[in-house]
Amino acid sequence: MESEAYALTVGKVVLGLKSLEFALRRFLDYLDMPDSTPPPVSIGQVLPSRALTNHASLGQLIGKFNEAVTQAKHSGDSLDPTLADISDTLADGHIWGSGPEPPLRMVAFSTPRNGLVSCIRDELMDDGWLDTQARRLQEAHTKLAQAGR
């Protein structure tokens, strides 16, 4: 894949993760407050902490969603919690490559202990990996939409 197409595909995965996070926030917010809508916001505005505004990670949101669908006896709609690993690594890990040319590696390390770390994630972000992640995210969006009905 050429650099431009590669960057676009990586961007689609990142946007897929972000849109999944927002959709989960809307779903969980609706469970808590069925008649609410997203509040208009401006810098400096003070709002109550709720699913739309809190600092829950994607992993925490997926956990709450899975709990809700299991309680509603729709566990078939549960989401793969490992989707959060991709988001976490993109946010806190490293993207390695000898230049901007694809494919790049997504690498993450443990918290340092005694000056040492372990590699806890190392994935080649090649065409196959990107296609797989895009498919997984599409499946997650479909399950979330089904649960919302």
Protein backbone atom coordinates (compact mmCIF):
# COMPACT_ATOMS: atom_id res chain seq x y z
CA MET A 1 0.00 0.00 0.00
CA GLU A 2 1.32 3.46 -0.84
CA SER A 3 1.97 5.99 1.92
CA GLU A 4 -1.08 8.13 1.23
CA ALA A 5 -3.50 5.19 1.09
CA TYR A 6 -1.83 3.69 4.18
CA ALA A 7 -2.26 6.93 6.16
CA LEU A 8 -5.90 7.10 5.11
CA THR A 9 -6.51 3.50 6.23
CA VAL A 10 -4.78 4.06 9.60
CA GLY A 11 -6.92 7.19 10.00
CA LYS A 12 -10.06 5.17 9.32
CA VAL A 13 -9.13 2.75 12.12
CA VAL A 14 -8.48 5.66 14.52
CA LEU A 15 -11.78 7.32 13.58
CA GLY A 16 -13.55 3.97 13.93
CA LEU A 17 -12.24 3.67 17.48
CA LYS A 18 -13.23 7.24 18.34
CA SER A 19 -16.70 6.91 16.84
CA LEU A 20 -17.19 3.61 18.71
CA GLU A 21 -16.22 5.36 21.94
CA PHE A 22 -18.74 8.16 21.34
CA ALA A 23 -21.49 5.72 20.36
CA LEU A 24 -20.86 3.77 23.57
CA ARG A 25 -21.01 7.00 25.58
CA ARG A 26 -24.35 7.89 23.96
CA PHE A 27 -25.71 4.37 24.59
CA LEU A 28 -24.63 4.36 28.26
CA ASP A 29 -25.85 7.93 28.76
CA TYR A 30 -29.24 6.92 27.37
CA LEU A 31 -29.43 4.01 29.83
CA ASP A 32 -28.88 6.43 32.72
CA MET A 33 -31.00 9.29 31.35
CA PRO A 34 -33.36 8.17 28.54
CA ASP A 35 -34.73 11.66 27.87
CA SER A 36 -31.41 13.47 27.68
CA THR A 37 -29.56 14.84 24.68
CA PRO A 38 -25.89 15.75 24.40
CA PRO A 39 -25.47 19.12 26.08
CA PRO A 40 -24.10 22.06 24.14
CA VAL A 41 -20.63 22.79 25.48
CA SER A 42 -18.27 25.72 25.58
CA ILE A 43 -14.87 26.22 27.16
CA GLY A 44 -15.17 26.91 30.86
CA GLN A 45 -18.68 25.48 31.10
CA VAL A 46 -19.24 23.23 34.12
CA LEU A 47 -21.26 20.07 33.50
CA PRO A 48 -22.25 17.05 35.58
CA SER A 49 -20.10 13.98 35.14
CA ARG A 50 -21.94 11.37 33.12
CA ALA A 51 -21.17 8.85 30.38
CA LEU A 52 -20.79 11.63 27.82
CA THR A 53 -18.41 13.73 29.91
CA ASN A 54 -16.42 11.42 32.18
CA HIS A 55 -12.89 10.11 31.62
CA ALA A 56 -13.82 6.45 31.20
CA SER A 57 -11.51 4.67 28.78
CA LEU A 58 -12.77 2.71 25.81
CA GLY A 59 -12.08 -0.47 27.78
CA GLN A 60 -14.21 0.75 30.68
CA LEU A 61 -17.01 1.77 28.32
CA ILE A 62 -16.94 -1.63 26.61
CA GLY A 63 -17.05 -3.30 30.05
CA LYS A 64 -20.12 -1.25 31.07
CA PHE A 65 -21.81 -1.95 27.74
CA ASN A 66 -21.15 -5.69 28.00
CA GLU A 67 -22.52 -5.66 31.54
CA ALA A 68 -25.69 -3.91 30.34
CA VAL A 69 -26.35 -6.27 27.43
CA THR A 70 -25.67 -9.32 29.61
CA GLN A 71 -28.17 -8.07 32.21
CA ALA A 72 -30.69 -7.53 29.40
CA LYS A 73 -30.05 -11.12 28.25
CA HIS A 74 -28.50 -9.98 24.97
CA SER A 75 -24.96 -11.20 25.61
CA GLY A 76 -24.65 -12.00 21.90
CA ASP A 77 -24.36 -8.26 21.40
CA SER A 78 -21.35 -7.96 23.72
CA LEU A 79 -18.25 -6.29 22.32
CA ASP A 80 -14.73 -7.67 22.13
CA PRO A 81 -12.85 -5.99 25.00
CA THR A 82 -9.55 -6.31 23.12
CA LEU A 83 -10.68 -3.47 20.84
CA ALA A 84 -9.65 -1.21 23.71
CA ASP A 85 -6.07 -2.53 23.47
CA ILE A 86 -5.72 -0.96 20.02
CA SER A 87 -7.00 2.38 21.28
CA ASP A 88 -4.76 2.28 24.35
CA THR A 89 -1.68 1.41 22.32
CA LEU A 90 -2.34 4.14 19.76
CA ALA A 91 -2.78 6.63 22.60
CA ASP A 92 0.02 5.52 24.93
CA GLY A 93 2.29 3.31 22.85
CA HIS A 94 4.75 3.98 20.10
CA ILE A 95 4.52 3.81 16.34
CA TRP A 96 7.82 2.48 15.01
CA GLY A 97 9.23 2.68 11.53
CA SER A 98 12.41 3.67 9.80
CA GLY A 99 10.52 6.47 8.10
CA PRO A 100 6.98 7.44 7.24
CA GLU A 101 6.77 4.62 4.71
CA PRO A 102 4.42 1.74 5.51
CA PRO A 103 4.06 -0.62 7.14
CA LEU A 104 4.72 0.68 10.63
CA ARG A 105 4.75 -1.22 13.93
CA MET A 106 2.59 -0.49 16.95
CA VAL A 107 4.64 -1.15 20.09
CA ALA A 108 3.86 -0.75 23.80
CA PHE A 109 5.93 -1.32 26.91
CA SER A 110 5.10 -2.11 30.52
CA THR A 111 5.46 0.36 33.35
CA PRO A 112 9.16 0.61 34.30
CA ARG A 113 10.28 -1.43 37.33
CA ASN A 114 13.83 -1.08 38.53
CA GLY A 115 14.68 0.74 35.31
CA LEU A 116 13.44 -2.13 33.11
CA VAL A 117 10.41 -2.57 30.86
CA SER A 118 8.88 -5.44 28.92
CA CYS A 119 7.42 -5.25 25.46
CA ILE A 120 3.70 -5.94 25.94
CA ARG A 121 2.48 -5.29 22.40
CA ASP A 122 4.18 -5.47 19.04
CA GLU A 123 2.04 -5.59 15.93
CA LEU A 124 2.87 -4.93 12.33
CA MET A 125 0.27 -2.52 11.02
CA ASP A 126 0.23 -3.99 7.52
CA ASP A 127 -2.69 -4.25 5.09
CA GLY A 128 -4.00 -7.44 6.69
CA TRP A 129 -3.89 -6.01 10.20
CA LEU A 130 -5.62 -2.79 9.12
CA ASP A 131 -8.34 -4.71 7.25
CA THR A 132 -8.92 -6.95 10.29
CA GLN A 133 -9.23 -3.98 12.66
CA ALA A 134 -11.60 -2.15 10.31
CA ARG A 135 -13.79 -5.28 10.10
CA ARG A 136 -13.75 -5.73 13.90
CA LEU A 137 -14.77 -2.11 14.40
CA GLN A 138 -17.58 -2.39 11.85
CA GLU A 139 -18.86 -5.49 13.66
CA ALA A 140 -18.73 -3.61 16.98
CA HIS A 141 -20.71 -0.70 15.53
CA THR A 142 -23.30 -3.14 14.17
CA LYS A 143 -23.68 -4.86 17.56
CA LEU A 144 -23.99 -1.51 19.30
CA ALA A 145 -26.71 -0.43 16.86
CA GLN A 146 -28.55 -3.73 17.42
CA ALA A 147 -28.38 -3.27 21.17
CA GLY A 148 -29.74 0.24 20.82
CA ARG A 149 -32.92 -1.10 19.24
